[in-house]
Amino acid sequence: MKILGIGNAIVDVICKVDDQYLINNQLTKSTMKLVDETEFQKLLSTLKIEQTISGGSVANSIVGLSQLGNDVGFIGKINADDLGQKYEEGLTKEKVQYFYNKKQETSPTGTCLILITPDAERTMVTFLGIAGKINKDDINEKAVRESEIIFLEGYLWDEGEPKSAFDKAMSLSSTKAMSLSDQFCVERHKGNFLDLVKNKLDITFANEQEIKSLIDAKSFDEVISFGKQLGKLLIITRGEKGSIAIKSNEIVECQSKSNLKIIDLTGAGDLFAAGFLHGYINNLSIKDSLEKGTEMSSKVIEKIGARLN
């Protein structure tokens, strides 16, 4: 197997809202907020659902990799409930091998409200449910050992059981990649994430805000210096400024595509990672891998949701 993703198994519920809705519900645009089931259901009752998809950040990337013809798999924790069944069916339909045996749990399958405002920004409200309770026993050792790369999700990392799952997967894998996921996520786990990036990961994906937050950088020049010293592969997306890959003294840049009709930014980073990893695992150059990531993210932001088809 080329790549095995390990992340939050979340059913994405996509809804369109206006800016006033975010203000009324004290939500910060373009961020992800974790809520309990009560608050989640309260918000859900006020919304019109556009679409539901088997999501989660790394799961989106893995589906993108599958659509590019790669042999891929995913580990994520679900309940044996209706949403869990839909989740598994959704991944199987996309030719993703699902390495998790669902069972009856006390918590339901995780769900995420993706609220799209008219400016195409997406604000996420997540009830993790059972997804956030992944532990080392949920890691399929054979699947990890037989994959060329594991791709981990920053959103999933937390002290306790999720950390034990990460540690086990990383100990069994030869090449480890991770997405930092979200600026608030970085700020919450800064010390641990910095340790992962410096000492345990081979490839790190981040956007400009996330990496600057991680290293307390005031300027992007500081990020470049950090990337050079790191000696590992650091991939940074910069929105309209394009993307950049840094490994030791090698710095490769890629321009963003212009004249895009942006409808929804959901999945832009996830599909960028899919495109880059596709290039990387199939021995394309770093430049070509960045361009494939840019192509994938450009396509997904011109439609609703994190799927290319």
Protein backbone atom coordinates (compact mmCIF):
# COMPACT_ATOMS: atom_id res chain seq x y z
CA MET A 1 0.00 0.00 0.00
CA LYS A 2 1.30 3.44 -0.90
CA ILE A 3 -0.12 5.61 1.90
CA LEU A 4 -2.10 4.93 5.08
CA GLY A 5 -3.98 7.85 6.62
CA ILE A 6 -4.72 7.98 10.35
CA GLY A 7 -7.19 10.67 11.38
CA ASN A 8 -10.56 11.71 12.69
CA ALA A 9 -13.38 9.76 11.04
CA ILE A 10 -15.88 12.59 10.78
CA VAL A 11 -19.10 12.86 8.80
CA ASP A 12 -19.04 16.32 7.20
CA VAL A 13 -22.37 18.16 7.17
CA ILE A 14 -22.12 21.05 4.72
CA CYS A 15 -24.36 24.11 5.14
CA LYS A 16 -24.45 27.64 3.70
CA VAL A 17 -24.78 30.55 6.16
CA ASP A 18 -24.27 34.32 6.21
CA ASP A 19 -21.77 36.24 8.33
CA GLN A 20 -24.50 37.25 10.78
CA TYR A 21 -25.10 33.58 11.59
CA LEU A 22 -21.47 33.26 12.74
CA ILE A 23 -21.75 36.43 14.82
CA ASN A 24 -25.05 35.34 16.39
CA ASN A 25 -23.53 32.00 17.40
CA GLN A 26 -20.18 33.46 18.55
CA LEU A 27 -18.19 31.56 15.94
CA THR A 28 -14.84 32.82 14.60
CA LYS A 29 -14.72 32.72 10.82
CA SER A 30 -12.29 30.25 9.20
CA THR A 31 -11.53 28.36 12.42
CA MET A 32 -12.59 25.03 13.89
CA LYS A 33 -14.44 24.90 17.21
CA LEU A 34 -14.93 21.74 19.26
CA VAL A 35 -18.34 21.45 20.92
CA ASP A 36 -20.30 18.90 22.95
CA GLU A 37 -23.26 16.99 21.56
CA THR A 38 -25.85 19.38 23.06
CA GLU A 39 -24.35 22.47 21.40
CA PHE A 40 -23.86 20.57 18.15
CA GLN A 41 -27.50 19.46 17.98
CA LYS A 42 -28.67 22.98 18.85
CA LEU A 43 -26.74 24.46 15.91
CA LEU A 44 -27.74 21.65 13.55
CA SER A 45 -31.43 22.30 14.26
CA THR A 46 -31.08 25.84 12.83
CA LEU A 47 -29.41 24.84 9.54
CA LYS A 48 -30.32 23.60 6.09
CA ILE A 49 -28.07 20.72 5.07
CA GLU A 50 -26.57 20.91 1.56
CA GLN A 51 -24.57 17.67 1.62
CA THR A 52 -23.12 14.96 3.90
CA ILE A 53 -19.75 13.30 3.15
CA SER A 54 -17.34 10.85 4.81
CA GLY A 55 -14.80 13.44 5.86
CA GLY A 56 -12.08 14.40 8.27
CA SER A 57 -8.97 16.20 7.04
CA VAL A 58 -6.67 13.24 6.37
CA ALA A 59 -9.56 11.11 5.09
CA ASN A 60 -10.16 13.83 2.46
CA SER A 61 -6.50 13.62 1.45
CA ILE A 62 -6.63 9.83 1.25
CA VAL A 63 -9.72 9.93 -0.99
CA GLY A 64 -7.90 12.43 -3.24
CA LEU A 65 -4.93 10.05 -3.44
CA SER A 66 -7.28 7.18 -4.31
CA GLN A 67 -8.87 9.25 -7.08
CA LEU A 68 -5.37 9.75 -8.50
CA GLY A 69 -5.00 5.97 -8.75
CA ASN A 70 -2.95 5.24 -5.62
CA ASP A 71 -3.41 2.19 -3.38
CA VAL A 72 -4.38 3.76 -0.05
CA GLY A 73 -5.99 3.01 3.30
CA PHE A 74 -7.40 4.79 6.33
CA ILE A 75 -7.73 4.22 10.07
CA GLY A 76 -10.34 6.23 11.97
CA LYS A 77 -12.68 5.37 14.82
CA ILE A 78 -16.45 5.18 14.26
CA ASN A 79 -19.46 3.78 16.11
CA ALA A 80 -21.65 0.98 14.74
CA ASP A 81 -24.46 3.53 14.30
CA ASP A 82 -26.18 4.91 11.20
CA LEU A 83 -23.58 7.62 10.58
CA GLY A 84 -20.77 5.10 11.15
CA GLN A 85 -22.26 2.82 8.52
CA LYS A 86 -22.56 5.74 6.08
CA TYR A 87 -18.98 6.74 6.81
CA GLU A 88 -17.57 3.31 6.03
CA GLU A 89 -19.67 2.99 2.88
CA GLY A 90 -18.51 6.43 1.71
CA LEU A 91 -14.83 5.48 1.94
CA THR A 92 -15.30 2.04 0.43
CA LYS A 93 -17.07 3.63 -2.54
CA GLU A 94 -13.93 5.74 -3.08
CA LYS A 95 -11.73 2.59 -3.19
CA VAL A 96 -10.10 3.38 0.17
CA GLN A 97 -9.27 0.32 2.30
CA TYR A 98 -10.78 0.93 5.72
CA PHE A 99 -8.74 -0.66 8.51
CA TYR A 100 -11.14 -0.36 11.43
CA ASN A 101 -13.74 -2.78 12.73
CA LYS A 102 -16.60 -0.71 14.08
CA LYS A 103 -18.45 -1.82 17.20
CA GLN A 104 -21.14 -0.47 19.50
CA GLU A 105 -19.67 2.45 21.47
CA THR A 106 -20.98 4.80 24.15
CA SER A 107 -20.24 7.85 21.96
CA PRO A 108 -21.70 8.36 18.47
CA THR A 109 -19.74 8.71 15.23
CA GLY A 110 -18.08 12.13 14.96
CA THR A 111 -19.71 14.91 12.97
CA CYS A 112 -18.54 18.30 11.67
CA LEU A 113 -20.70 21.22 10.58
CA ILE A 114 -18.95 23.01 7.71
CA LEU A 115 -20.48 26.48 7.52
CA ILE A 116 -19.78 28.21 4.20
CA THR A 117 -20.16 32.00 4.06
CA PRO A 118 -20.67 33.98 0.82
CA ASP A 119 -16.91 34.79 0.67
CA ALA A 120 -16.25 31.01 0.31
CA GLU A 121 -14.57 30.78 3.73
CA ARG A 122 -15.49 27.75 5.82
CA THR A 123 -16.00 27.74 9.57
CA MET A 124 -16.14 24.36 11.25
CA VAL A 125 -17.99 23.19 14.35
CA THR A 126 -16.98 19.68 15.36
CA PHE A 127 -18.46 17.15 17.73
CA LEU A 128 -15.73 14.52 17.79
CA GLY A 129 -17.82 11.75 19.33
CA ILE A 130 -15.93 8.46 19.25
CA ALA A 131 -13.41 9.73 16.63
CA GLY A 132 -11.35 11.55 19.26
CA LYS A 133 -11.11 8.45 21.45
CA ILE A 134 -8.79 6.51 19.16
CA ASN A 135 -6.19 4.46 21.05
CA LYS A 136 -3.22 2.20 20.33
CA ASP A 137 -5.46 -0.88 20.06
CA ASP A 138 -7.21 0.76 17.08
CA ILE A 139 -3.97 0.88 15.07
CA ASN A 140 -3.75 -1.98 12.58
CA GLU A 141 -0.06 -2.95 12.83
CA LYS A 142 0.00 -4.90 9.56
CA ALA A 143 -1.51 -1.98 7.63
CA VAL A 144 1.06 0.46 9.08
CA ARG A 145 4.01 -1.81 8.34
CA GLU A 146 2.83 -2.47 4.77
CA SER A 147 2.37 1.19 3.85
CA GLU A 148 5.21 3.26 2.37
CA ILE A 149 4.07 6.41 4.22
CA ILE A 150 1.68 7.07 7.10
CA PHE A 151 -0.12 10.43 7.01
CA LEU A 152 -1.23 11.69 10.42
CA GLU A 153 -3.71 14.41 11.31
CA GLY A 154 -2.85 17.18 13.78
CA TYR A 155 -6.52 17.47 14.74
CA LEU A 156 -6.37 13.91 16.10
CA TRP A 157 -3.39 14.43 18.39
CA ASP A 158 -4.24 14.79 22.06
CA GLU A 159 -2.75 13.71 25.37
CA GLY A 160 -3.68 10.22 26.54
CA GLU A 161 -5.13 7.61 24.20
CA PRO A 162 -4.77 9.49 20.87
CA LYS A 163 -1.09 10.16 21.69
CA SER A 164 -0.60 6.43 22.34
CA ALA A 165 -2.13 5.69 18.92
CA PHE A 166 0.24 8.22 17.25
CA ASP A 167 3.27 6.82 19.07
CA LYS A 168 2.45 3.24 18.09
CA ALA A 169 1.87 4.13 14.42
CA MET A 170 5.07 6.17 14.22
CA SER A 171 7.12 3.41 15.87
CA LEU A 172 6.02 0.95 13.15
CA SER A 173 6.37 3.24 10.13
CA SER A 174 9.42 4.01 7.99
CA THR A 175 8.18 7.37 6.65
CA LYS A 176 5.92 9.65 8.68
CA ALA A 177 4.01 12.69 7.40
CA MET A 178 1.62 14.96 9.30
CA SER A 179 -0.55 17.99 8.74
CA LEU A 180 -0.57 20.62 11.50
CA SER A 181 -4.32 21.00 10.70
CA ASP A 182 -5.30 24.30 12.34
CA GLN A 183 -3.74 27.34 14.05
CA PHE A 184 -5.75 26.86 17.26
CA CYS A 185 -4.66 23.21 17.23
CA VAL A 186 -1.02 24.31 16.97
CA GLU A 187 -1.38 26.81 19.81
CA ARG A 188 -3.02 24.20 22.05
CA HIS A 189 -0.28 21.60 21.51
CA LYS A 190 2.69 23.80 20.58
CA GLY A 191 5.41 22.02 22.59
CA ASN A 192 4.33 18.57 21.48
CA PHE A 193 3.88 19.58 17.83
CA LEU A 194 7.32 21.21 17.77
CA ASP A 195 8.82 17.99 19.13
CA LEU A 196 7.03 15.96 16.44
CA VAL A 197 8.18 18.27 13.64
CA LYS A 198 11.79 18.41 14.84
CA ASN A 199 12.34 14.83 15.96
CA LYS A 200 9.74 12.37 14.66
CA LEU A 201 8.22 13.44 11.34
CA ASP A 202 9.82 13.16 7.91
CA ILE A 203 7.29 15.43 6.14
CA THR A 204 5.26 18.27 7.70
CA PHE A 205 2.39 20.11 5.99
CA ALA A 206 1.33 23.51 7.32
CA ASN A 207 -0.16 26.76 6.14
CA GLU A 208 1.71 30.00 6.78
CA GLN A 209 -0.27 30.93 9.90
CA GLU A 210 0.21 27.49 11.46
CA ILE A 211 3.98 27.31 10.97
CA LYS A 212 4.50 30.91 12.16
CA SER A 213 2.46 30.12 15.26
CA LEU A 214 4.42 26.91 15.87
CA ILE A 215 7.81 28.63 15.98
CA ASP A 216 6.58 32.08 17.18
CA ALA A 217 7.86 33.67 13.97
CA LYS A 218 7.25 37.35 13.23
CA SER A 219 8.21 37.06 9.56
CA PHE A 220 8.31 34.42 6.84
CA ASP A 221 12.11 34.78 6.70
CA GLU A 222 12.20 33.18 10.15
CA VAL A 223 10.15 30.28 8.77
CA ILE A 224 12.67 29.83 5.93
CA SER A 225 15.54 29.76 8.45
CA PHE A 226 13.70 27.22 10.60
CA GLY A 227 13.00 25.03 7.56
CA LYS A 228 16.66 25.06 6.51
CA GLN A 229 17.83 24.07 9.99
CA LEU A 230 15.16 21.38 10.31
CA GLY A 231 16.68 19.14 7.65
CA LYS A 232 13.31 17.43 7.05
CA LEU A 233 10.79 18.15 4.31
CA LEU A 234 8.57 21.12 5.25
CA ILE A 235 5.68 21.99 2.90
CA ILE A 236 3.93 25.33 3.43
CA THR A 237 0.85 26.65 1.66
CA ARG A 238 0.52 30.46 1.49
CA GLY A 239 -2.85 31.09 -0.19
CA GLU A 240 -2.46 33.58 -3.05
CA LYS A 241 1.33 33.54 -2.54
CA GLY A 242 1.45 29.90 -3.63
CA SER A 243 3.39 27.17 -1.83
CA ILE A 244 6.94 26.39 -0.83
CA ALA A 245 8.93 23.27 0.03
CA ILE A 246 12.04 23.49 2.21
CA LYS A 247 14.57 20.74 2.92
CA SER A 248 17.96 21.82 4.26
CA ASN A 249 19.23 24.37 1.72
CA GLU A 250 16.84 23.31 -1.06
CA ILE A 251 13.94 25.73 -1.42
CA VAL A 252 11.32 25.16 -4.12
CA GLU A 253 8.43 27.54 -4.76
CA CYS A 254 5.22 27.15 -6.74
CA GLN A 255 2.83 29.91 -7.80
CA SER A 256 -0.87 29.72 -7.06
CA LYS A 257 -3.29 29.53 -9.97
CA SER A 258 -5.00 32.79 -10.96
CA ASN A 259 -8.54 33.64 -12.11
CA LEU A 260 -10.17 30.90 -10.07
CA LYS A 261 -13.89 31.05 -9.37
CA ILE A 262 -13.69 30.24 -5.66
CA ILE A 263 -16.89 28.76 -4.23
CA ASP A 264 -15.76 26.94 -1.08
CA LEU A 265 -12.31 26.63 0.51
CA THR A 266 -13.22 23.38 2.27
CA GLY A 267 -10.61 20.74 1.57
CA ALA A 268 -8.09 23.06 -0.10
CA GLY A 269 -5.26 22.05 2.21
CA ASP A 270 -6.37 18.41 2.28
CA LEU A 271 -6.34 18.10 -1.51
CA PHE A 272 -3.08 20.02 -1.76
CA ALA A 273 -1.51 17.40 0.53
CA ALA A 274 -3.05 14.63 -1.61
CA GLY A 275 -1.54 16.07 -4.79
CA PHE A 276 1.87 16.61 -3.22
CA LEU A 277 2.00 13.13 -1.67
CA HIS A 278 0.91 11.62 -4.99
CA GLY A 279 3.90 13.23 -6.64
CA TYR A 280 6.25 12.33 -3.81
CA ILE A 281 5.27 8.66 -3.59
CA ASN A 282 5.45 8.29 -7.38
CA ASN A 283 8.96 9.80 -7.57
CA LEU A 284 8.06 13.13 -9.18
CA SER A 285 10.31 16.11 -8.42
CA ILE A 286 9.49 18.41 -5.49
CA LYS A 287 8.50 21.12 -8.00
CA ASP A 288 6.15 18.76 -9.86
CA SER A 289 4.72 17.52 -6.55
CA LEU A 290 3.97 21.11 -5.48
CA GLU A 291 2.33 21.75 -8.85
CA LYS A 292 0.17 18.63 -8.48
CA GLY A 293 -0.90 19.80 -5.02
CA THR A 294 -1.72 23.24 -6.42
CA GLU A 295 -3.74 21.71 -9.27
CA MET A 296 -5.77 19.55 -6.84
CA SER A 297 -6.49 22.38 -4.37
CA SER A 298 -7.41 24.74 -7.23
CA LYS A 299 -9.99 22.28 -8.52
CA VAL A 300 -11.62 21.59 -5.16
CA ILE A 301 -12.14 25.25 -4.21
CA GLU A 302 -14.22 25.79 -7.37
CA LYS A 303 -16.89 23.45 -6.01
CA ILE A 304 -18.71 22.76 -2.73
CA GLY A 305 -17.16 20.20 -0.40
CA ALA A 306 -13.83 18.39 -0.23
CA ARG A 307 -14.36 15.93 -3.10
CA LEU A 308 -13.27 16.35 -6.69
CA ASN A 309 -16.20 14.24 -7.94
